[in-house]
Amino acid sequence: MADTAAGAPLLDVRGLKTYFHTEEGLVRAVDDVSFSVSSSEVLGLVGESGCGKSVTAFSILDLIPVPPGRIEGGEILFRGKDLLKTESHERRRISGNHISMIFQEPMTALNPVMMVGSQITEVLKLHTLLDSHDRWEKAIEMIAKVGISEPRKTAKSYPHELSGGMRQRIMIAMALVCDPDILIADEPTTALDVTIQAQILELIKAMQRETSAAVILITHDLAVIAETVNRVIVMYAGKIVESGDVKTIFTEPKHPYTQGLLKSIPVLGEPGKLLESIKGRVPNLIDLPPGCHFANRCPFARERCFEEHPRLVEVDSDEHEVRCNLYYD
């Protein structure tokens, strides 16, 4: 791949629209989403389940099931090349090689009837010219690199023979074995206990520092976001509602939804403090209400919010954007 032009983002998503055509109606899972990722940046995508985080990632990697899903519009530019206009074989070469992903549940992502070492070598077979011996040795090297003892023994194990934390480490090894430019981590600590979660996050950060890969971290856990990323994108009902650097989002959140998420985090040293919840439910994406999609749950909603859909506007600085009628006339 050609080098990224000076100052140009490594990945530039513009106006992405990914819809699902169902018997009940049209689901606008990702609706006009735009963001960019620079080399070595760690970007966080955060929001409740169903907000469009994972669908955004699957769209980038061409993993949307067709039918019922389809990318209806937008651009996904990797090093200036629009992946949506790229031939399928070229896009497959980029996915897994230059853009890789750690999936949410390793037990379903891994093949239950293949040794984990063989699954890592399959990635190398697709994307490198290494012979079978060198592929196997590279797989063992990666298993050791992600902190698993006895890598040769582990390479010959099947997924069910490993713990949840070890399976997730194998997924990280598979994702990083080809030295990708971008690593997408989709809820990488789901279903792991707190201690293992911390170990996996530390491993991802350590590997990112070593390889200088850009990382897109998808999670609903704001505590994970606070410790890990440089910049945050908050999504709600298929749209970006706020974005900015991690310090700004945590100290000066503007969107009522972001404020609600932060108020629901337990505070160390205040065990008796009751956590606040965001009232109501996420709207049905098939039958979205007019106006702001968050209006029916927003404590600051006014008549205009139920009639006019807000646009993203800059607040404080050009690095901080919010989609809310409270911030423009």
C-alpha atoms as a PDB file:
ATOM      1  CA  MET A   1       0.000   0.000   0.000  1.00  0.00           C
ATOM      2  CA  ALA A   2       1.111   3.538  -0.702  1.00  0.00           C
ATOM      3  CA  ASP A   3       2.170   5.649   2.238  1.00  0.00           C
ATOM      4  CA  THR A   4      -0.407   7.978   3.734  1.00  0.00           C
ATOM      5  CA  ALA A   5       0.022  11.557   2.530  1.00  0.00           C
ATOM      6  CA  ALA A   6       1.431  13.923   5.106  1.00  0.00           C
ATOM      7  CA  GLY A   7      -1.341  15.084   7.419  1.00  0.00           C
ATOM      8  CA  ALA A   8      -3.929  12.741   5.900  1.00  0.00           C
ATOM      9  CA  PRO A   9      -5.753  10.297   8.201  1.00  0.00           C
ATOM     10  CA  LEU A  10      -4.976   6.607   7.941  1.00  0.00           C
ATOM     11  CA  LEU A  11      -8.711   5.798   7.907  1.00  0.00           C
ATOM     12  CA  ASP A  12     -11.382   8.312   6.920  1.00  0.00           C
ATOM     13  CA  VAL A  13     -15.038   7.285   7.193  1.00  0.00           C
ATOM     14  CA  ARG A  14     -17.380   9.756   5.491  1.00  0.00           C
ATOM     15  CA  GLY A  15     -21.181   9.734   5.674  1.00  0.00           C
ATOM     16  CA  LEU A  16     -21.388   5.966   6.222  1.00  0.00           C
ATOM     17  CA  LYS A  17     -24.903   4.545   6.001  1.00  0.00           C
ATOM     18  CA  THR A  18     -25.430   0.851   6.746  1.00  0.00           C
ATOM     19  CA  TYR A  19     -29.043  -0.302   6.717  1.00  0.00           C
ATOM     20  CA  PHE A  20     -30.752  -3.652   7.259  1.00  0.00           C
ATOM     21  CA  HIS A  21     -33.826  -4.516   5.201  1.00  0.00           C
ATOM     22  CA  THR A  22     -36.073  -6.650   7.428  1.00  0.00           C
ATOM     23  CA  GLU A  23     -39.660  -7.884   7.229  1.00  0.00           C
ATOM     24  CA  GLU A  24     -40.584  -5.365   9.930  1.00  0.00           C
ATOM     25  CA  GLY A  25     -39.025  -2.440   8.083  1.00  0.00           C
ATOM     26  CA  LEU A  26     -35.779  -0.590   7.376  1.00  0.00           C
ATOM     27  CA  VAL A  27     -33.245  -0.527  10.232  1.00  0.00           C
ATOM     28  CA  ARG A  28     -30.863   2.415   9.969  1.00  0.00           C
ATOM     29  CA  ALA A  29     -28.145   0.822  12.089  1.00  0.00           C
ATOM     30  CA  VAL A  30     -25.470   3.339  11.039  1.00  0.00           C
ATOM     31  CA  ASP A  31     -26.841   6.583   9.672  1.00  0.00           C
ATOM     32  CA  ASP A  32     -24.480   9.200   8.217  1.00  0.00           C
ATOM     33  CA  VAL A  33     -21.475   8.493  10.448  1.00  0.00           C
ATOM     34  CA  SER A  34     -18.167  10.278   9.781  1.00  0.00           C
ATOM     35  CA  PHE A  35     -14.847  10.068  11.629  1.00  0.00           C
ATOM     36  CA  SER A  36     -11.151   9.620  10.976  1.00  0.00           C
ATOM     37  CA  VAL A  37      -8.286   7.719  12.580  1.00  0.00           C
ATOM     38  CA  SER A  38      -4.659   8.809  12.376  1.00  0.00           C
ATOM     39  CA  SER A  39      -1.583   6.591  12.501  1.00  0.00           C
ATOM     40  CA  SER A  40      -0.857   5.298  16.046  1.00  0.00           C
ATOM     41  CA  GLU A  41      -4.070   6.889  17.411  1.00  0.00           C
ATOM     42  CA  VAL A  42      -6.304   5.032  19.862  1.00  0.00           C
ATOM     43  CA  LEU A  43      -9.950   5.920  19.205  1.00  0.00           C
ATOM     44  CA  GLY A  44     -12.856   4.819  21.388  1.00  0.00           C
ATOM     45  CA  LEU A  45     -16.390   4.118  20.131  1.00  0.00           C
ATOM     46  CA  VAL A  46     -18.808   4.066  23.045  1.00  0.00           C
ATOM     47  CA  GLY A  47     -22.568   3.735  23.516  1.00  0.00           C
ATOM     48  CA  GLU A  48     -25.351   1.381  24.573  1.00  0.00           C
ATOM     49  CA  SER A  49     -25.968  -1.941  22.842  1.00  0.00           C
ATOM     50  CA  GLY A  50     -27.594  -1.372  19.451  1.00  0.00           C
ATOM     51  CA  CYS A  51     -26.180   2.123  18.923  1.00  0.00           C
ATOM     52  CA  GLY A  52     -24.221   1.099  15.805  1.00  0.00           C
ATOM     53  CA  LYS A  53     -20.681   0.619  17.174  1.00  0.00           C
ATOM     54  CA  SER A  54     -20.110  -2.930  15.963  1.00  0.00           C
ATOM     55  CA  VAL A  55     -21.980  -2.397  12.685  1.00  0.00           C
ATOM     56  CA  THR A  56     -19.593   0.481  11.965  1.00  0.00           C
ATOM     57  CA  ALA A  57     -16.631  -1.854  12.477  1.00  0.00           C
ATOM     58  CA  PHE A  58     -18.171  -4.640  10.387  1.00  0.00           C
ATOM     59  CA  SER A  59     -18.809  -2.117   7.604  1.00  0.00           C
ATOM     60  CA  ILE A  60     -15.133  -1.152   7.561  1.00  0.00           C
ATOM     61  CA  LEU A  61     -14.109  -4.824   7.290  1.00  0.00           C
ATOM     62  CA  ASP A  62     -16.797  -5.777   4.747  1.00  0.00           C
ATOM     63  CA  LEU A  63     -18.445  -8.185   7.195  1.00  0.00           C
ATOM     64  CA  ILE A  64     -22.029  -6.965   6.831  1.00  0.00           C
ATOM     65  CA  PRO A  65     -24.291  -9.922   5.888  1.00  0.00           C
ATOM     66  CA  VAL A  66     -25.933  -9.269   2.512  1.00  0.00           C
ATOM     67  CA  PRO A  67     -28.908  -9.652   2.678  1.00  0.00           C
ATOM     68  CA  PRO A  68     -30.376  -8.256   4.894  1.00  0.00           C
ATOM     69  CA  GLY A  69     -27.658  -5.647   5.411  1.00  0.00           C
ATOM     70  CA  ARG A  70     -26.264  -3.251   2.866  1.00  0.00           C
ATOM     71  CA  ILE A  71     -24.022  -0.202   2.858  1.00  0.00           C
ATOM     72  CA  GLU A  72     -26.302   2.388   1.298  1.00  0.00           C
ATOM     73  CA  GLY A  73     -23.914   5.310   1.092  1.00  0.00           C
ATOM     74  CA  GLY A  74     -20.720   6.976   2.182  1.00  0.00           C
ATOM     75  CA  GLU A  75     -17.013   6.371   1.784  1.00  0.00           C
ATOM     76  CA  ILE A  76     -14.474   4.313   3.737  1.00  0.00           C
ATOM     77  CA  LEU A  77     -11.058   5.664   2.775  1.00  0.00           C
ATOM     78  CA  PHE A  78      -7.983   3.665   3.814  1.00  0.00           C
ATOM     79  CA  ARG A  79      -4.773   5.486   2.884  1.00  0.00           C
ATOM     80  CA  GLY A  80      -6.890   7.547   0.489  1.00  0.00           C
ATOM     81  CA  LYS A  81      -8.440   4.558  -1.300  1.00  0.00           C
ATOM     82  CA  ASP A  82     -12.218   4.077  -1.024  1.00  0.00           C
ATOM     83  CA  LEU A  83     -12.712   0.486   0.126  1.00  0.00           C
ATOM     84  CA  LEU A  84     -16.340   0.560  -1.029  1.00  0.00           C
ATOM     85  CA  LYS A  85     -15.118   0.981  -4.617  1.00  0.00           C
ATOM     86  CA  THR A  86     -12.372  -1.633  -4.323  1.00  0.00           C
ATOM     87  CA  GLU A  87     -12.586  -5.066  -5.949  1.00  0.00           C
ATOM     88  CA  SER A  88     -13.581  -7.808  -3.496  1.00  0.00           C
ATOM     89  CA  HIS A  89     -10.269  -9.682  -3.716  1.00  0.00           C
ATOM     90  CA  GLU A  90      -8.306  -6.490  -2.998  1.00  0.00           C
ATOM     91  CA  ARG A  91     -10.558  -5.619  -0.093  1.00  0.00           C
ATOM     92  CA  ARG A  92     -10.070  -9.111   1.367  1.00  0.00           C
ATOM     93  CA  ARG A  93      -6.315  -8.585   1.112  1.00  0.00           C
ATOM     94  CA  ILE A  94      -6.575  -5.337   3.055  1.00  0.00           C
ATOM     95  CA  SER A  95      -8.910  -6.822   5.682  1.00  0.00           C
ATOM     96  CA  GLY A  96      -6.909  -9.104   7.946  1.00  0.00           C
ATOM     97  CA  ASN A  97      -3.614  -7.765   6.666  1.00  0.00           C
ATOM     98  CA  HIS A  98      -3.736  -3.969   6.981  1.00  0.00           C
ATOM     99  CA  ILE A  99      -6.971  -3.763   9.020  1.00  0.00           C
ATOM    100  CA  SER A 100      -7.580  -6.498  11.574  1.00  0.00           C
ATOM    101  CA  MET A 101     -10.148  -7.201  14.274  1.00  0.00           C
ATOM    102  CA  ILE A 102     -10.410  -8.757  17.719  1.00  0.00           C
ATOM    103  CA  PHE A 103     -13.940 -10.108  17.947  1.00  0.00           C
ATOM    104  CA  GLN A 104     -16.234  -9.831  20.936  1.00  0.00           C
ATOM    105  CA  GLU A 105     -16.587 -13.535  21.768  1.00  0.00           C
ATOM    106  CA  PRO A 106     -13.551 -15.715  20.981  1.00  0.00           C
ATOM    107  CA  MET A 107     -15.398 -18.978  21.594  1.00  0.00           C
ATOM    108  CA  THR A 108     -17.665 -18.273  18.621  1.00  0.00           C
ATOM    109  CA  ALA A 109     -14.990 -16.537  16.522  1.00  0.00           C
ATOM    110  CA  LEU A 110     -12.508 -19.431  16.791  1.00  0.00           C
ATOM    111  CA  ASN A 111     -13.031 -22.679  14.867  1.00  0.00           C
ATOM    112  CA  PRO A 112     -13.798 -25.350  17.497  1.00  0.00           C
ATOM    113  CA  VAL A 113     -12.318 -28.214  15.433  1.00  0.00           C
ATOM    114  CA  MET A 114      -8.968 -26.589  14.547  1.00  0.00           C
ATOM    115  CA  MET A 115      -5.914 -26.233  16.753  1.00  0.00           C
ATOM    116  CA  VAL A 116      -5.410 -22.587  17.642  1.00  0.00           C
ATOM    117  CA  GLY A 117      -1.924 -22.600  16.131  1.00  0.00           C
ATOM    118  CA  SER A 118      -3.372 -23.755  12.816  1.00  0.00           C
ATOM    119  CA  GLN A 119      -5.924 -20.959  12.927  1.00  0.00           C
ATOM    120  CA  ILE A 120      -3.133 -18.403  13.263  1.00  0.00           C
ATOM    121  CA  THR A 121      -1.220 -20.000  10.372  1.00  0.00           C
ATOM    122  CA  GLU A 122      -4.346 -19.723   8.199  1.00  0.00           C
ATOM    123  CA  VAL A 123      -4.099 -15.928   8.502  1.00  0.00           C
ATOM    124  CA  LEU A 124      -0.446 -16.077   7.463  1.00  0.00           C
ATOM    125  CA  LYS A 125      -1.264 -18.396   4.554  1.00  0.00           C
ATOM    126  CA  LEU A 126      -3.776 -15.869   3.209  1.00  0.00           C
ATOM    127  CA  HIS A 127      -1.624 -12.778   3.596  1.00  0.00           C
ATOM    128  CA  THR A 128       2.064 -13.802   3.422  1.00  0.00           C
ATOM    129  CA  LEU A 129       4.434 -15.876   1.305  1.00  0.00           C
ATOM    130  CA  LEU A 130       5.861 -17.833   4.247  1.00  0.00           C
ATOM    131  CA  ASP A 131       6.152 -21.609   3.882  1.00  0.00           C
ATOM    132  CA  SER A 132       4.306 -23.969   6.253  1.00  0.00           C
ATOM    133  CA  HIS A 133       7.244 -24.358   8.644  1.00  0.00           C
ATOM    134  CA  ASP A 134       7.821 -20.619   8.963  1.00  0.00           C
ATOM    135  CA  ARG A 135       4.089 -20.002   9.382  1.00  0.00           C
ATOM    136  CA  TRP A 136       3.976 -22.445  12.302  1.00  0.00           C
ATOM    137  CA  GLU A 137       7.031 -20.889  13.932  1.00  0.00           C
ATOM    138  CA  LYS A 138       5.551 -17.418  13.489  1.00  0.00           C
ATOM    139  CA  ALA A 139       2.301 -18.594  15.130  1.00  0.00           C
ATOM    140  CA  ILE A 140       4.239 -19.944  18.122  1.00  0.00           C
ATOM    141  CA  GLU A 141       6.179 -16.681  18.337  1.00  0.00           C
ATOM    142  CA  MET A 142       2.934 -14.700  18.440  1.00  0.00           C
ATOM    143  CA  ILE A 143       1.407 -16.976  21.084  1.00  0.00           C
ATOM    144  CA  ALA A 144       4.455 -16.346  23.263  1.00  0.00           C
ATOM    145  CA  LYS A 145       4.321 -12.616  22.551  1.00  0.00           C
ATOM    146  CA  VAL A 146       0.764 -12.305  23.896  1.00  0.00           C
ATOM    147  CA  GLY A 147       1.899 -13.737  27.211  1.00  0.00           C
ATOM    148  CA  ILE A 148       0.907 -17.405  27.024  1.00  0.00           C
ATOM    149  CA  SER A 149       3.353 -19.824  28.647  1.00  0.00           C
ATOM    150  CA  GLU A 150       4.218 -23.061  26.849  1.00  0.00           C
ATOM    151  CA  PRO A 151       3.366 -21.630  23.421  1.00  0.00           C
ATOM    152  CA  ARG A 152       4.233 -24.813  21.524  1.00  0.00           C
ATOM    153  CA  LYS A 153       1.863 -26.848  23.665  1.00  0.00           C
ATOM    154  CA  THR A 154      -0.840 -24.184  23.450  1.00  0.00           C
ATOM    155  CA  ALA A 155      -0.530 -24.031  19.649  1.00  0.00           C
ATOM    156  CA  LYS A 156      -1.670 -27.646  19.492  1.00  0.00           C
ATOM    157  CA  SER A 157      -4.672 -27.030  21.763  1.00  0.00           C
ATOM    158  CA  TYR A 158      -8.288 -26.617  20.691  1.00  0.00           C
ATOM    159  CA  PRO A 159     -10.320 -23.567  21.800  1.00  0.00           C
ATOM    160  CA  HIS A 160     -12.392 -25.503  24.351  1.00  0.00           C
ATOM    161  CA  GLU A 161      -9.187 -26.558  26.114  1.00  0.00           C
ATOM    162  CA  LEU A 162      -8.257 -22.943  26.872  1.00  0.00           C
ATOM    163  CA  SER A 163      -9.603 -20.471  29.409  1.00  0.00           C
ATOM    164  CA  GLY A 164     -11.533 -17.387  28.312  1.00  0.00           C
ATOM    165  CA  GLY A 165      -8.519 -15.159  28.863  1.00  0.00           C
ATOM    166  CA  MET A 166      -6.240 -17.465  26.868  1.00  0.00           C
ATOM    167  CA  ARG A 167      -8.753 -17.624  24.004  1.00  0.00           C
ATOM    168  CA  GLN A 168      -8.858 -13.838  23.907  1.00  0.00           C
ATOM    169  CA  ARG A 169      -5.055 -13.753  23.802  1.00  0.00           C
ATOM    170  CA  ILE A 170      -5.150 -16.135  20.843  1.00  0.00           C
ATOM    171  CA  MET A 171      -7.586 -13.752  19.107  1.00  0.00           C
ATOM    172  CA  ILE A 172      -5.131 -10.894  19.718  1.00  0.00           C
ATOM    173  CA  ALA A 173      -2.294 -13.019  18.317  1.00  0.00           C
ATOM    174  CA  MET A 174      -4.377 -13.744  15.182  1.00  0.00           C
ATOM    175  CA  ALA A 175      -5.249 -10.074  14.756  1.00  0.00           C
ATOM    176  CA  LEU A 176      -1.654  -8.872  15.099  1.00  0.00           C
ATOM    177  CA  VAL A 177       0.269 -11.637  13.328  1.00  0.00           C
ATOM    178  CA  CYS A 178       0.397  -9.673  10.044  1.00  0.00           C
ATOM    179  CA  ASP A 179       1.369  -6.365  11.711  1.00  0.00           C
ATOM    180  CA  PRO A 180      -1.815  -4.465  10.729  1.00  0.00           C
ATOM    181  CA  ASP A 181      -1.967  -0.697  10.402  1.00  0.00           C
ATOM    182  CA  ILE A 182      -5.330  -0.605  12.198  1.00  0.00           C
ATOM    183  CA  LEU A 183      -6.585  -2.923  14.944  1.00  0.00           C
ATOM    184  CA  ILE A 184     -10.317  -2.914  15.711  1.00  0.00           C
ATOM    185  CA  ALA A 185     -11.113  -4.343  19.156  1.00  0.00           C
ATOM    186  CA  ASP A 186     -14.843  -5.071  19.527  1.00  0.00           C
ATOM    187  CA  GLU A 187     -15.697  -5.383  23.239  1.00  0.00           C
ATOM    188  CA  PRO A 188     -12.474  -7.375  23.810  1.00  0.00           C
ATOM    189  CA  THR A 189     -13.091  -7.895  27.537  1.00  0.00           C
ATOM    190  CA  THR A 190     -16.729  -9.062  27.401  1.00  0.00           C
ATOM    191  CA  ALA A 191     -17.475 -12.066  29.681  1.00  0.00           C
ATOM    192  CA  LEU A 192     -14.015 -11.925  31.316  1.00  0.00           C
ATOM    193  CA  ASP A 193     -13.536 -11.368  35.037  1.00  0.00           C
ATOM    194  CA  VAL A 194     -12.143  -8.042  36.193  1.00  0.00           C
ATOM    195  CA  THR A 195      -8.561  -9.256  36.679  1.00  0.00           C
ATOM    196  CA  ILE A 196      -8.402 -10.834  33.220  1.00  0.00           C
ATOM    197  CA  GLN A 197     -10.052  -7.751  31.697  1.00  0.00           C
ATOM    198  CA  ALA A 198      -7.236  -5.601  33.064  1.00  0.00           C
ATOM    199  CA  GLN A 199      -4.616  -8.010  31.713  1.00  0.00           C
ATOM    200  CA  ILE A 200      -6.174  -8.042  28.219  1.00  0.00           C
ATOM    201  CA  LEU A 201      -6.389  -4.238  28.101  1.00  0.00           C
ATOM    202  CA  GLU A 202      -2.773  -3.913  29.237  1.00  0.00           C
ATOM    203  CA  LEU A 203      -1.769  -6.412  26.553  1.00  0.00           C
ATOM    204  CA  ILE A 204      -3.589  -4.454  23.823  1.00  0.00           C
ATOM    205  CA  LYS A 205      -1.936  -1.215  24.968  1.00  0.00           C
ATOM    206  CA  ALA A 206       1.490  -2.855  25.111  1.00  0.00           C
ATOM    207  CA  MET A 207       1.108  -4.379  21.646  1.00  0.00           C
ATOM    208  CA  GLN A 208      -0.116  -1.038  20.277  1.00  0.00           C
ATOM    209  CA  ARG A 209       2.946   0.728  21.654  1.00  0.00           C
ATOM    210  CA  GLU A 210       5.212  -1.954  20.186  1.00  0.00           C
ATOM    211  CA  THR A 211       3.657  -2.016  16.704  1.00  0.00           C
ATOM    212  CA  SER A 212       2.457   1.648  16.499  1.00  0.00           C
ATOM    213  CA  ALA A 213      -0.820   0.390  15.018  1.00  0.00           C
ATOM    214  CA  ALA A 214      -3.882   2.612  15.234  1.00  0.00           C
ATOM    215  CA  VAL A 215      -6.589   1.111  17.454  1.00  0.00           C
ATOM    216  CA  ILE A 216     -10.373   1.489  17.354  1.00  0.00           C
ATOM    217  CA  LEU A 217     -11.692   0.278  20.721  1.00  0.00           C
ATOM    218  CA  ILE A 218     -15.417  -0.494  20.799  1.00  0.00           C
ATOM    219  CA  THR A 219     -16.996  -0.735  24.238  1.00  0.00           C
ATOM    220  CA  HIS A 220     -19.897   0.334  26.426  1.00  0.00           C
ATOM    221  CA  ASP A 221     -17.538   0.649  29.404  1.00  0.00           C
ATOM    222  CA  LEU A 222     -16.489   4.271  29.966  1.00  0.00           C
ATOM    223  CA  ALA A 223     -13.933   3.202  32.581  1.00  0.00           C
ATOM    224  CA  VAL A 224     -12.118   1.240  29.877  1.00  0.00           C
ATOM    225  CA  ILE A 225     -12.324   4.263  27.560  1.00  0.00           C
ATOM    226  CA  ALA A 226     -10.850   6.586  30.205  1.00  0.00           C
ATOM    227  CA  GLU A 227      -7.786   4.384  30.683  1.00  0.00           C
ATOM    228  CA  THR A 228      -7.091   3.452  27.091  1.00  0.00           C
ATOM    229  CA  VAL A 229      -7.947   5.936  24.319  1.00  0.00           C
ATOM    230  CA  ASN A 230      -6.860   9.363  23.041  1.00  0.00           C
ATOM    231  CA  ARG A 231     -10.181  10.388  21.479  1.00  0.00           C
ATOM    232  CA  VAL A 232     -13.800   9.362  22.062  1.00  0.00           C
ATOM    233  CA  ILE A 233     -16.838   9.050  19.800  1.00  0.00           C
ATOM    234  CA  VAL A 234     -20.206   8.618  21.542  1.00  0.00           C
ATOM    235  CA  MET A 235     -22.918   6.949  19.443  1.00  0.00           C
ATOM    236  CA  TYR A 236     -26.667   6.792  19.949  1.00  0.00           C
ATOM    237  CA  ALA A 237     -29.344   5.269  17.691  1.00  0.00           C
ATOM    238  CA  GLY A 238     -26.989   4.936  14.725  1.00  0.00           C
ATOM    239  CA  LYS A 239     -25.525   8.445  14.901  1.00  0.00           C
ATOM    240  CA  ILE A 240     -22.563  10.206  16.495  1.00  0.00           C
ATOM    241  CA  VAL A 241     -23.875  12.487  19.248  1.00  0.00           C
ATOM    242  CA  GLU A 242     -20.554  13.711  20.641  1.00  0.00           C
ATOM    243  CA  SER A 243     -16.850  13.443  19.905  1.00  0.00           C
ATOM    244  CA  GLY A 244     -13.686  14.904  21.356  1.00  0.00           C
ATOM    245  CA  ASP A 245     -10.453  14.121  23.130  1.00  0.00           C
ATOM    246  CA  VAL A 246     -10.837  11.838  26.142  1.00  0.00           C
ATOM    247  CA  LYS A 247     -10.080  14.535  28.747  1.00  0.00           C
ATOM    248  CA  THR A 248     -12.667  16.918  27.297  1.00  0.00           C
ATOM    249  CA  ILE A 249     -15.384  14.267  27.094  1.00  0.00           C
ATOM    250  CA  PHE A 250     -14.862  13.236  30.726  1.00  0.00           C
ATOM    251  CA  THR A 251     -14.484  16.716  32.212  1.00  0.00           C
ATOM    252  CA  GLU A 252     -16.769  18.793  29.975  1.00  0.00           C
ATOM    253  CA  PRO A 253     -19.386  16.517  28.392  1.00  0.00           C
ATOM    254  CA  LYS A 254     -21.969  18.496  26.454  1.00  0.00           C
ATOM    255  CA  HIS A 255     -24.558  16.033  25.183  1.00  0.00           C
ATOM    256  CA  PRO A 256     -27.170  14.987  27.788  1.00  0.00           C
ATOM    257  CA  TYR A 257     -26.651  11.352  26.772  1.00  0.00           C
ATOM    258  CA  THR A 258     -22.894  11.534  27.451  1.00  0.00           C
ATOM    259  CA  GLN A 259     -23.601  13.243  30.751  1.00  0.00           C
ATOM    260  CA  GLY A 260     -26.011  10.447  31.650  1.00  0.00           C
ATOM    261  CA  LEU A 261     -23.466   7.757  30.824  1.00  0.00           C
ATOM    262  CA  LEU A 262     -20.847   9.403  33.030  1.00  0.00           C
ATOM    263  CA  LYS A 263     -23.266   9.765  35.945  1.00  0.00           C
ATOM    264  CA  SER A 264     -23.913   6.015  35.845  1.00  0.00           C
ATOM    265  CA  ILE A 265     -20.259   5.181  36.663  1.00  0.00           C
ATOM    266  CA  PRO A 266     -19.519   4.210  40.297  1.00  0.00           C
ATOM    267  CA  VAL A 267     -17.181   6.682  42.039  1.00  0.00           C
ATOM    268  CA  LEU A 268     -14.374   5.280  44.189  1.00  0.00           C
ATOM    269  CA  GLY A 269     -14.694   6.519  47.777  1.00  0.00           C
ATOM    270  CA  GLU A 270     -18.438   7.193  47.532  1.00  0.00           C
ATOM    271  CA  PRO A 271     -19.965   3.756  48.257  1.00  0.00           C
ATOM    272  CA  GLY A 272     -23.279   5.154  49.462  1.00  0.00           C
ATOM    273  CA  LYS A 273     -23.900   7.319  46.426  1.00  0.00           C
ATOM    274  CA  LEU A 274     -26.801   6.128  44.290  1.00  0.00           C
ATOM    275  CA  LEU A 275     -25.994   5.804  40.612  1.00  0.00           C
ATOM    276  CA  GLU A 276     -28.169   7.723  38.197  1.00  0.00           C
ATOM    277  CA  SER A 277     -29.798   5.954  35.270  1.00  0.00           C
ATOM    278  CA  ILE A 278     -30.941   7.256  31.908  1.00  0.00           C
ATOM    279  CA  LYS A 279     -34.711   7.011  31.897  1.00  0.00           C
ATOM    280  CA  GLY A 280     -36.679   5.450  29.047  1.00  0.00           C
ATOM    281  CA  ARG A 281     -35.474   3.200  26.249  1.00  0.00           C
ATOM    282  CA  VAL A 282     -33.466   3.474  23.069  1.00  0.00           C
ATOM    283  CA  PRO A 283     -35.981   4.193  20.257  1.00  0.00           C
ATOM    284  CA  ASN A 284     -36.910   1.519  17.738  1.00  0.00           C
ATOM    285  CA  LEU A 285     -34.559   2.018  14.777  1.00  0.00           C
ATOM    286  CA  ILE A 286     -37.344   0.917  12.425  1.00  0.00           C
ATOM    287  CA  ASP A 287     -39.667   3.650  13.639  1.00  0.00           C
ATOM    288  CA  LEU A 288     -37.483   6.523  14.771  1.00  0.00           C
ATOM    289  CA  PRO A 289     -39.311   9.562  16.130  1.00  0.00           C
ATOM    290  CA  PRO A 290     -39.005  12.957  14.414  1.00  0.00           C
ATOM    291  CA  GLY A 291     -36.542  15.403  15.871  1.00  0.00           C
ATOM    292  CA  CYS A 292     -33.760  14.358  18.213  1.00  0.00           C
ATOM    293  CA  HIS A 293     -33.672  10.587  18.775  1.00  0.00           C
ATOM    294  CA  PHE A 294     -32.729  11.175  22.426  1.00  0.00           C
ATOM    295  CA  ALA A 295     -35.476  13.710  23.152  1.00  0.00           C
ATOM    296  CA  ASN A 296     -37.842  11.254  24.866  1.00  0.00           C
ATOM    297  CA  ARG A 297     -35.105  10.434  27.423  1.00  0.00           C
ATOM    298  CA  CYS A 298     -33.532  13.871  27.757  1.00  0.00           C
ATOM    299  CA  PRO A 299     -34.094  15.956  30.928  1.00  0.00           C
ATOM    300  CA  PHE A 300     -33.436  19.174  28.956  1.00  0.00           C
ATOM    301  CA  ALA A 301     -35.690  18.466  25.968  1.00  0.00           C
ATOM    302  CA  ARG A 302     -37.876  21.297  24.722  1.00  0.00           C
ATOM    303  CA  GLU A 303     -40.486  21.526  21.987  1.00  0.00           C
ATOM    304  CA  ARG A 304     -37.899  22.121  19.272  1.00  0.00           C
ATOM    305  CA  CYS A 305     -36.116  18.869  20.170  1.00  0.00           C
ATOM    306  CA  PHE A 306     -39.174  16.789  19.269  1.00  0.00           C
ATOM    307  CA  GLU A 307     -39.517  18.487  15.888  1.00  0.00           C
ATOM    308  CA  GLU A 308     -36.022  19.312  14.561  1.00  0.00           C
ATOM    309  CA  HIS A 309     -33.249  16.757  14.187  1.00  0.00           C
ATOM    310  CA  PRO A 310     -30.008  18.329  15.479  1.00  0.00           C
ATOM    311  CA  ARG A 311     -26.793  18.545  13.485  1.00  0.00           C
ATOM    312  CA  LEU A 312     -23.217  18.083  14.696  1.00  0.00           C
ATOM    313  CA  VAL A 313     -21.704  21.416  15.687  1.00  0.00           C
ATOM    314  CA  GLU A 314     -18.351  22.463  17.110  1.00  0.00           C
ATOM    315  CA  VAL A 315     -18.261  23.564  20.742  1.00  0.00           C
ATOM    316  CA  ASP A 316     -15.285  24.963  22.675  1.00  0.00           C
ATOM    317  CA  SER A 317     -12.859  23.887  19.921  1.00  0.00           C
ATOM    318  CA  ASP A 318     -12.819  22.241  16.508  1.00  0.00           C
ATOM    319  CA  GLU A 319     -11.881  18.976  18.253  1.00  0.00           C
ATOM    320  CA  HIS A 320     -15.126  18.841  20.254  1.00  0.00           C
ATOM    321  CA  GLU A 321     -18.428  18.271  18.432  1.00  0.00           C
ATOM    322  CA  VAL A 322     -21.928  17.653  19.774  1.00  0.00           C
ATOM    323  CA  ARG A 323     -25.294  16.848  18.141  1.00  0.00           C
ATOM    324  CA  CYS A 324     -27.757  18.777  20.286  1.00  0.00           C
ATOM    325  CA  ASN A 325     -30.267  21.591  19.732  1.00  0.00           C
ATOM    326  CA  LEU A 326     -29.107  23.245  22.953  1.00  0.00           C
ATOM    327  CA  TYR A 327     -25.881  24.417  21.312  1.00  0.00           C
ATOM    328  CA  TYR A 328     -27.057  26.397  18.314  1.00  0.00           C
ATOM    329  CA  ASP A 329     -29.939  28.691  17.368  1.00  0.00           C
END
